[in-house]
Amino acid sequence: MHLNKVDEIGQLAKAFKEMNHNFGELVSEIILSASQVTGSSEQLNITSDQVANASEDMAKTIEEIAN
C-alpha cells in the first residue's frame, strides 16, 4: 500500500501502519516475557521439590536421633 499521500487520509494510514507495527512488537515482547515466566516457574517448582525433599530427610534424621 502506498502511503505517500500528505492529506489526512495519508497521515491516518501512516499512523495505522505504525500502530500495527508497534502492536506486533508489543505482542512479541509479551510472548517472550511469558516464556521467561514459564521458565522461572518451572525452575521454582524444581527448587521447591528439592527443599521439600531436604526437609523430609531432615525430619527423618531428627526422628532417628530422637529415638
Protein backbone atom coordinates (compact mmCIF):
# COMPACT_ATOMS: atom_id res chain seq x y z
CA MET A 1 0.00 0.00 0.00
CA HIS A 2 1.43 3.36 -0.98
CA LEU A 3 1.36 5.85 1.85
CA ASN A 4 2.78 8.86 0.07
CA LYS A 5 -0.31 10.99 0.39
CA VAL A 6 0.11 14.11 2.50
CA ASP A 7 -3.58 14.65 3.23
CA GLU A 8 -5.39 13.50 6.37
CA ILE A 9 -6.15 10.06 4.92
CA GLY A 10 -2.47 9.51 4.10
CA GLN A 11 -1.44 10.63 7.58
CA LEU A 12 -4.06 8.35 9.12
CA ALA A 13 -2.85 5.41 7.01
CA LYS A 14 0.74 6.03 8.12
CA ALA A 15 -0.36 6.23 11.75
CA PHE A 16 -2.26 2.94 11.47
CA LYS A 17 0.73 1.28 9.84
CA GLU A 18 2.99 2.45 12.67
CA MET A 19 0.44 1.42 15.29
CA ASN A 20 0.18 -2.05 13.70
CA HIS A 21 3.98 -2.36 13.78
CA ASN A 22 4.08 -1.27 17.44
CA PHE A 23 1.37 -3.78 18.38
CA GLY A 24 3.38 -6.52 16.67
CA GLU A 25 6.44 -5.61 18.71
CA LEU A 26 4.36 -5.48 21.88
CA VAL A 27 2.91 -8.94 21.24
CA SER A 28 6.41 -10.30 20.60
CA GLU A 29 7.65 -8.84 23.89
CA ILE A 30 4.66 -10.27 25.75
CA ILE A 31 5.31 -13.72 24.27
CA LEU A 32 8.99 -13.52 25.28
CA SER A 33 8.08 -12.40 28.80
CA ALA A 34 5.53 -15.19 29.15
CA SER A 35 8.15 -17.70 28.08
CA GLN A 36 10.58 -16.34 30.66
CA VAL A 37 7.93 -16.51 33.38
CA THR A 38 7.21 -20.12 32.42
CA GLY A 39 10.89 -20.99 32.65
CA SER A 40 11.23 -19.27 36.01
CA SER A 41 8.14 -21.02 37.29
CA GLU A 42 9.49 -24.41 36.24
CA GLN A 43 12.80 -23.67 37.99
CA LEU A 44 10.97 -22.54 41.11
CA ASN A 45 8.95 -25.76 41.08
CA ILE A 46 12.15 -27.84 40.86
CA THR A 47 13.73 -25.87 43.70
CA SER A 48 10.60 -26.24 45.81
CA ASP A 49 10.66 -30.00 45.32
CA GLN A 50 14.31 -30.10 46.36
CA VAL A 51 13.57 -28.09 49.50
CA ALA A 52 10.66 -30.39 50.35
CA ASN A 53 12.85 -33.47 49.92
CA ALA A 54 15.59 -31.97 52.06
CA SER A 55 13.05 -31.10 54.75
CA GLU A 56 11.75 -34.67 54.76
CA ASP A 57 15.29 -36.00 55.06
CA MET A 58 15.99 -33.66 57.97
CA ALA A 59 12.77 -34.70 59.70
CA LYS A 60 13.72 -38.39 59.33
CA THR A 61 17.20 -37.73 60.70
CA ILE A 62 15.83 -35.81 63.66
CA GLU A 63 13.35 -38.59 64.37
CA GLU A 64 16.14 -41.20 64.22
CA ILE A 65 18.27 -39.17 66.63
CA ALA A 66 15.32 -38.68 69.00
CA ASN A 67 14.69 -42.43 69.16
